[in-house]
Amino acid sequence: MPRRSEPHNGIQYVGLPGITEDCVEAVQRLIQFGDSIGLARIITSGNEHGLLLTVGVDDLVAVRSGFSSGYRGTGPSGFSFVLQLLKFHGVRLEEYDVEAQWLQRLDNSLLTVRDIEWLDSIRAVRPSRWPDYILERDWGREAAGTLWRDFPPVIPFAIVDPRLADLAKTFWAGADERLLTAYRRLEDIVRRRTKLKESGSKLFSQAFLGDSSKLGWKSLDPSEQIGRGNLFVAAFMAHRNPRAHRETGHDTDEQLREFLLVNHLFRLEAQSERSRPRKGRQRKPKAP
C-alpha cells in the first residue's frame, strides 16, 4: 500500500498550467478518442480552475489549470467551451474549492494519495456555480449541435481501407495530391478487375450499371445495385472531375469529407463481386 503522503501514481496529467488552448485540446483528444468520462471535478482556487476527470471505471486524468473565470478572455472562453462540451457528452460536473497549494500540486503533477482521499471526503460546492461559467454563446452552440466544429479535423484510421493507408498517413502533407491519387488508384483497380479501357464516370457506369455490368453485390436487390453504382458515377462527376481540372481551395473540412467519400467507394468496391451474365428475356411462343 502506498503511503498517503506519496504521489498518487494512478493519475495521468495533461495540459499546461496557464495555457488554455493546450488544456482545451487535451479534453478534446479524450472525447475524440472515445474515452468514457463519467465525472469531471472542477478544481477551483479563486478564479483559476483545473479538472480531475474520472475515465472508465476509476482512472484519473488531471487537466492542469489552464482555465479561469470572472473576466473576459481566452481562459474563461476556453473554460466555458470545455464545460459545455463535457455536459453535452453526458459527463457529471461537480466543483470543489481548494487551497492554492492544492492546485499547484496538480499543476506540478504531485497530487498525493492524501490529496485524492481528502477530495473524495469533502462536499461539492452547493448551489452549483459551474453553469455560471458557461457563456451564452456555448449554451447556444450546444442547442444547435455545433460544439464539435472547434475540433480539429482528424482521419478515423480505424475505418480507412488498407489500400489507402499510405495516403491517409500523409494526407495533410498534401490533401489535393492524395485525393487525386486515390481517385486514379480506384480507377486502376476497377480497370484491372473488369478489363475495361474507359476512365472516370464512364468506367464506373460500365462496371456497375446496366445488364452487362461487370461487378455487383449479390445480397442487394436491383434498385440498391443501381444506387451503389450511381455513387461511383456521381462522386467522380461531382468531385474528381472538378479537382482534376481546376484548383478547388484548401478547406480542410471539405478535403477530409471528400477523402472519407473516396474511402467509402473503396470499401464498396472491395465488397463487390464479378457479375454473372444476365440471360435475355425469352419470348413466349405464339399460339398456332
Protein backbone atom coordinates (compact mmCIF):
# COMPACT_ATOMS: atom_id res chain seq x y z
CA MET A 1 0.00 0.00 0.00
CA PRO A 2 1.41 3.45 -0.91
CA ARG A 3 1.86 5.95 1.87
CA ARG A 4 -0.77 8.68 1.91
CA SER A 5 1.92 11.36 1.58
CA GLU A 6 3.41 9.78 -1.54
CA PRO A 7 2.49 10.96 -5.05
CA HIS A 8 -0.59 9.24 -6.45
CA ASN A 9 0.80 7.08 -9.27
CA GLY A 10 -2.60 6.43 -10.84
CA ILE A 11 -3.10 9.94 -12.24
CA GLN A 12 -2.35 10.97 -15.80
CA TYR A 13 -1.59 14.69 -16.17
CA VAL A 14 -2.40 16.62 -19.35
CA GLY A 15 -2.39 20.23 -20.46
CA LEU A 16 -0.15 23.08 -19.34
CA PRO A 17 -0.93 25.48 -16.46
CA GLY A 18 -1.93 28.89 -17.76
CA ILE A 19 -2.15 27.69 -21.38
CA THR A 20 -5.86 27.45 -22.16
CA GLU A 21 -5.57 26.10 -25.70
CA ASP A 22 -3.40 23.20 -24.60
CA CYS A 23 -5.87 22.23 -21.87
CA VAL A 24 -8.85 22.50 -24.22
CA GLU A 25 -7.11 20.26 -26.76
CA ALA A 26 -6.34 17.71 -24.04
CA VAL A 27 -10.05 17.35 -23.25
CA GLN A 28 -10.93 17.25 -26.95
CA ARG A 29 -8.47 14.39 -27.51
CA LEU A 30 -10.06 12.32 -24.75
CA ILE A 31 -13.54 12.83 -26.20
CA GLN A 32 -12.43 12.34 -29.81
CA PHE A 33 -10.73 9.06 -28.94
CA GLY A 34 -13.89 7.81 -27.28
CA ASP A 35 -12.78 7.71 -23.64
CA SER A 36 -15.74 7.30 -21.31
CA ILE A 37 -15.62 10.24 -18.91
CA GLY A 38 -18.11 9.71 -16.10
CA LEU A 39 -17.25 12.54 -13.73
CA ALA A 40 -15.48 15.86 -14.16
CA ARG A 41 -14.43 17.50 -10.89
CA ILE A 42 -13.75 21.20 -11.33
CA ILE A 43 -10.84 22.14 -9.08
CA THR A 44 -11.21 25.80 -8.16
CA SER A 45 -8.84 28.16 -6.37
CA GLY A 46 -10.02 31.76 -6.64
CA ASN A 47 -10.63 32.36 -10.35
CA GLU A 48 -8.25 29.62 -11.53
CA HIS A 49 -9.52 26.17 -12.45
CA GLY A 50 -8.24 22.72 -13.30
CA LEU A 51 -10.11 19.47 -13.86
CA LEU A 52 -9.90 15.99 -12.40
CA LEU A 53 -11.63 13.57 -14.76
CA THR A 54 -12.72 10.04 -13.91
CA VAL A 55 -12.25 7.97 -17.07
CA GLY A 56 -13.53 4.44 -17.45
CA VAL A 57 -14.05 2.73 -14.12
CA ASP A 58 -11.66 4.66 -11.87
CA ASP A 59 -8.78 6.04 -13.96
CA LEU A 60 -7.95 9.66 -13.13
CA VAL A 61 -6.85 12.30 -15.64
CA ALA A 62 -5.85 15.68 -14.25
CA VAL A 63 -6.13 18.70 -16.57
CA ARG A 64 -3.83 21.43 -15.34
CA SER A 65 -5.09 24.92 -14.55
CA GLY A 66 -5.31 26.49 -17.99
CA PHE A 67 -8.82 27.74 -17.23
CA SER A 68 -10.05 30.86 -15.46
CA SER A 69 -13.24 32.80 -14.78
CA GLY A 70 -14.55 36.20 -13.75
CA TYR A 71 -13.37 38.26 -16.72
CA ARG A 72 -13.37 38.25 -20.50
CA GLY A 73 -10.54 36.47 -22.21
CA THR A 74 -9.16 33.22 -23.52
CA GLY A 75 -9.16 31.46 -20.14
CA PRO A 76 -12.88 31.94 -19.38
CA SER A 77 -13.83 31.34 -23.03
CA GLY A 78 -11.99 28.02 -23.17
CA PHE A 79 -13.36 27.04 -19.76
CA SER A 80 -16.90 27.75 -20.94
CA PHE A 81 -16.43 25.64 -24.06
CA VAL A 82 -14.93 22.67 -22.19
CA LEU A 83 -17.67 22.63 -19.55
CA GLN A 84 -20.40 22.78 -22.17
CA LEU A 85 -18.64 20.05 -24.17
CA LEU A 86 -18.43 17.75 -21.15
CA LYS A 87 -22.06 18.44 -20.29
CA PHE A 88 -23.10 17.69 -23.89
CA HIS A 89 -21.37 14.31 -23.65
CA GLY A 90 -23.28 13.40 -20.50
CA VAL A 91 -20.44 13.93 -18.03
CA ARG A 92 -21.47 14.73 -14.44
CA LEU A 93 -19.93 18.02 -13.33
CA GLU A 94 -19.06 18.91 -9.73
CA GLU A 95 -16.97 21.77 -8.38
CA TYR A 96 -14.64 21.78 -5.38
CA ASP A 97 -12.91 24.72 -3.71
CA VAL A 98 -9.28 24.04 -2.81
CA GLU A 99 -6.31 25.99 -1.46
CA ALA A 100 -3.86 27.45 -3.95
CA GLN A 101 -1.21 24.90 -2.85
CA TRP A 102 -3.54 22.02 -3.77
CA LEU A 103 -3.98 23.36 -7.30
CA GLN A 104 -0.22 23.94 -7.55
CA ARG A 105 0.41 20.28 -6.72
CA LEU A 106 -1.99 19.35 -9.53
CA ASP A 107 -0.09 21.65 -11.92
CA ASN A 108 3.22 20.12 -10.83
CA SER A 109 1.99 16.51 -11.22
CA LEU A 110 2.44 15.99 -7.47
CA LEU A 111 -1.02 15.15 -6.15
CA THR A 112 -0.72 12.67 -3.30
CA VAL A 113 -2.85 9.78 -2.11
CA ARG A 114 -3.93 12.01 0.79
CA ASP A 115 -4.99 14.78 -1.65
CA ILE A 116 -7.34 12.44 -3.50
CA GLU A 117 -8.71 10.97 -0.26
CA TRP A 118 -9.39 14.48 1.03
CA LEU A 119 -11.12 15.47 -2.21
CA ASP A 120 -13.27 12.33 -2.04
CA SER A 121 -14.32 13.25 1.50
CA ILE A 122 -15.41 16.86 1.04
CA ARG A 123 -18.71 18.18 -0.24
CA ALA A 124 -19.04 19.69 -3.71
CA VAL A 125 -19.94 23.36 -3.99
CA ARG A 126 -23.66 23.94 -3.45
CA PRO A 127 -25.54 25.53 -5.04
CA SER A 128 -23.64 24.63 -8.20
CA ARG A 129 -21.68 27.52 -9.69
CA TRP A 130 -20.40 25.80 -12.81
CA PRO A 131 -23.41 26.72 -15.02
CA ASP A 132 -22.47 30.37 -14.44
CA TYR A 133 -19.05 29.75 -16.01
CA ILE A 134 -20.66 28.79 -19.34
CA LEU A 135 -21.12 31.67 -21.75
CA GLU A 136 -24.41 32.21 -23.56
CA ARG A 137 -22.59 31.53 -26.82
CA ASP A 138 -21.80 27.96 -25.78
CA TRP A 139 -25.31 27.26 -24.48
CA GLY A 140 -26.50 28.23 -27.95
CA ARG A 141 -23.91 26.08 -29.69
CA GLU A 142 -25.00 23.02 -27.73
CA ALA A 143 -28.62 23.65 -28.70
CA ALA A 144 -27.57 23.99 -32.35
CA GLY A 145 -25.34 20.90 -32.23
CA THR A 146 -22.26 22.84 -33.34
CA LEU A 147 -19.88 22.32 -30.39
CA TRP A 148 -17.76 19.86 -32.39
CA ARG A 149 -16.92 22.48 -35.01
CA ASP A 150 -13.97 23.58 -32.87
CA PHE A 151 -12.50 20.08 -33.03
CA PRO A 152 -9.60 19.70 -35.47
CA PRO A 153 -10.47 17.52 -38.49
CA VAL A 154 -8.87 14.11 -37.94
CA ILE A 155 -8.78 10.97 -40.07
CA PRO A 156 -10.55 7.98 -38.43
CA PHE A 157 -7.79 5.49 -39.22
CA ALA A 158 -9.82 2.52 -37.95
CA ILE A 159 -12.18 2.67 -40.94
CA VAL A 160 -9.66 3.52 -43.68
CA ASP A 161 -9.42 0.95 -46.47
CA PRO A 162 -5.95 -0.71 -46.32
CA ARG A 163 -5.27 0.31 -49.92
CA LEU A 164 -5.46 3.95 -48.85
CA ALA A 165 -3.27 3.58 -45.76
CA ASP A 166 -0.24 5.29 -47.29
CA LEU A 167 -2.36 8.25 -48.41
CA ALA A 168 -4.19 8.55 -45.09
CA LYS A 169 -0.92 8.53 -43.15
CA THR A 170 0.41 11.58 -45.01
CA PHE A 171 -2.91 13.14 -46.05
CA TRP A 172 -2.39 16.58 -44.52
CA ALA A 173 1.02 16.95 -46.17
CA GLY A 174 -0.79 17.41 -49.50
CA ALA A 175 -4.51 16.67 -49.41
CA ASP A 176 -5.23 17.62 -53.05
CA GLU A 177 -2.49 15.36 -54.40
CA ARG A 178 -3.56 12.47 -52.14
CA LEU A 179 -7.17 12.77 -53.27
CA LEU A 180 -6.25 12.70 -56.95
CA THR A 181 -4.01 9.69 -56.33
CA ALA A 182 -6.89 7.93 -54.55
CA TYR A 183 -9.22 8.54 -57.49
CA ARG A 184 -6.65 7.26 -60.01
CA ARG A 185 -5.94 4.24 -57.83
CA LEU A 186 -9.62 3.33 -57.69
CA GLU A 187 -9.89 3.61 -61.47
CA ASP A 188 -6.84 1.34 -61.91
CA ILE A 189 -8.30 -1.26 -59.56
CA VAL A 190 -11.65 -1.37 -61.35
CA ARG A 191 -9.97 -1.47 -64.78
CA ARG A 192 -7.83 -4.45 -63.72
CA ARG A 193 -10.86 -6.32 -62.40
CA THR A 194 -13.15 -5.62 -65.35
CA LYS A 195 -10.66 -5.41 -68.26
CA LEU A 196 -12.45 -2.21 -69.31
CA LYS A 197 -10.48 0.57 -71.02
CA GLU A 198 -12.62 3.55 -70.02
CA SER A 199 -11.92 6.08 -67.28
CA GLY A 200 -13.85 8.27 -64.88
CA SER A 201 -17.62 8.12 -64.67
CA LYS A 202 -17.89 6.13 -67.92
CA LEU A 203 -15.71 3.39 -66.44
CA PHE A 204 -17.87 3.08 -63.33
CA SER A 205 -21.09 3.20 -65.33
CA GLN A 206 -19.97 0.21 -67.39
CA ALA A 207 -18.53 -1.57 -64.34
CA PHE A 208 -21.54 -1.26 -62.01
CA LEU A 209 -24.63 -0.27 -64.02
CA GLY A 210 -26.77 -1.94 -66.66
CA ASP A 211 -27.48 -5.52 -67.66
CA SER A 212 -23.91 -6.00 -68.86
CA SER A 213 -22.23 -4.62 -65.72
CA LYS A 214 -19.07 -6.43 -64.71
CA LEU A 215 -19.31 -6.03 -60.92
CA GLY A 216 -22.12 -6.10 -58.38
CA TRP A 217 -23.23 -7.00 -54.87
CA LYS A 218 -25.00 -10.35 -54.56
CA SER A 219 -27.05 -9.54 -51.48
CA LEU A 220 -28.69 -6.41 -52.92
CA ASP A 221 -31.86 -6.07 -54.96
CA PRO A 222 -31.64 -4.35 -58.37
CA SER A 223 -32.59 -0.88 -57.12
CA GLU A 224 -29.89 -0.99 -54.44
CA GLN A 225 -27.36 -2.17 -57.03
CA ILE A 226 -28.22 0.84 -59.16
CA GLY A 227 -27.95 3.15 -56.16
CA ARG A 228 -24.47 1.94 -55.27
CA GLY A 229 -23.29 2.08 -58.85
CA ASN A 230 -24.53 5.64 -59.17
CA LEU A 231 -22.50 6.59 -56.09
CA PHE A 232 -19.31 5.89 -58.05
CA VAL A 233 -20.50 7.78 -61.12
CA ALA A 234 -21.76 10.77 -59.14
CA ALA A 235 -18.65 11.02 -56.95
CA PHE A 236 -16.38 11.23 -59.97
CA MET A 237 -18.61 13.75 -61.73
CA ALA A 238 -19.14 15.93 -58.66
CA HIS A 239 -15.72 15.76 -57.01
CA ARG A 240 -12.97 14.12 -59.01
CA ASN A 241 -13.57 15.98 -62.28
CA PRO A 242 -13.53 19.50 -60.77
CA ARG A 243 -10.45 18.62 -58.71
CA ALA A 244 -8.62 17.29 -61.76
CA HIS A 245 -9.27 20.38 -63.88
CA ARG A 246 -9.01 23.35 -61.53
CA GLU A 247 -7.92 24.44 -58.07
CA THR A 248 -10.64 23.66 -55.57
CA GLY A 249 -9.36 25.51 -52.50
CA HIS A 250 -7.86 24.20 -49.29
CA ASP A 251 -10.78 23.86 -46.89
CA THR A 252 -9.58 21.09 -44.56
CA ASP A 253 -13.10 20.06 -43.57
CA GLU A 254 -14.13 19.62 -47.21
CA GLN A 255 -10.93 17.77 -48.05
CA LEU A 256 -11.46 15.31 -45.20
CA ARG A 257 -15.11 14.76 -46.14
CA GLU A 258 -14.08 14.03 -49.72
CA PHE A 259 -11.39 11.60 -48.59
CA LEU A 260 -13.93 9.73 -46.48
CA LEU A 261 -16.24 9.59 -49.52
CA VAL A 262 -13.47 8.08 -51.65
CA ASN A 263 -12.67 5.67 -48.82
CA HIS A 264 -16.33 4.60 -48.83
CA LEU A 265 -16.08 3.86 -52.56
CA PHE A 266 -13.00 1.72 -51.92
CA ARG A 267 -14.88 -0.24 -49.26
CA LEU A 268 -17.85 -0.76 -51.59
CA GLU A 269 -15.58 -1.89 -54.42
CA ALA A 270 -13.93 -4.40 -52.07
CA GLN A 271 -17.34 -5.90 -51.29
CA SER A 272 -18.35 -6.23 -54.94
CA GLU A 273 -18.10 -9.47 -56.92
CA ARG A 274 -17.98 -10.40 -60.56
CA SER A 275 -21.47 -10.26 -62.05
CA ARG A 276 -22.94 -13.25 -63.80
CA PRO A 277 -24.08 -12.61 -67.38
CA ARG A 278 -27.79 -11.84 -67.41
CA LYS A 279 -29.80 -14.04 -69.73
CA GLY A 280 -32.02 -12.26 -72.19
CA ARG A 281 -35.77 -12.43 -71.61
CA GLN A 282 -37.26 -15.29 -73.60
CA ARG A 283 -40.43 -14.65 -75.60
CA LYS A 284 -43.37 -16.96 -75.22
CA PRO A 285 -44.13 -18.97 -78.42
CA LYS A 286 -47.16 -17.76 -80.32
CA ALA A 287 -50.26 -19.87 -80.29
CA PRO A 288 -50.85 -21.81 -83.57
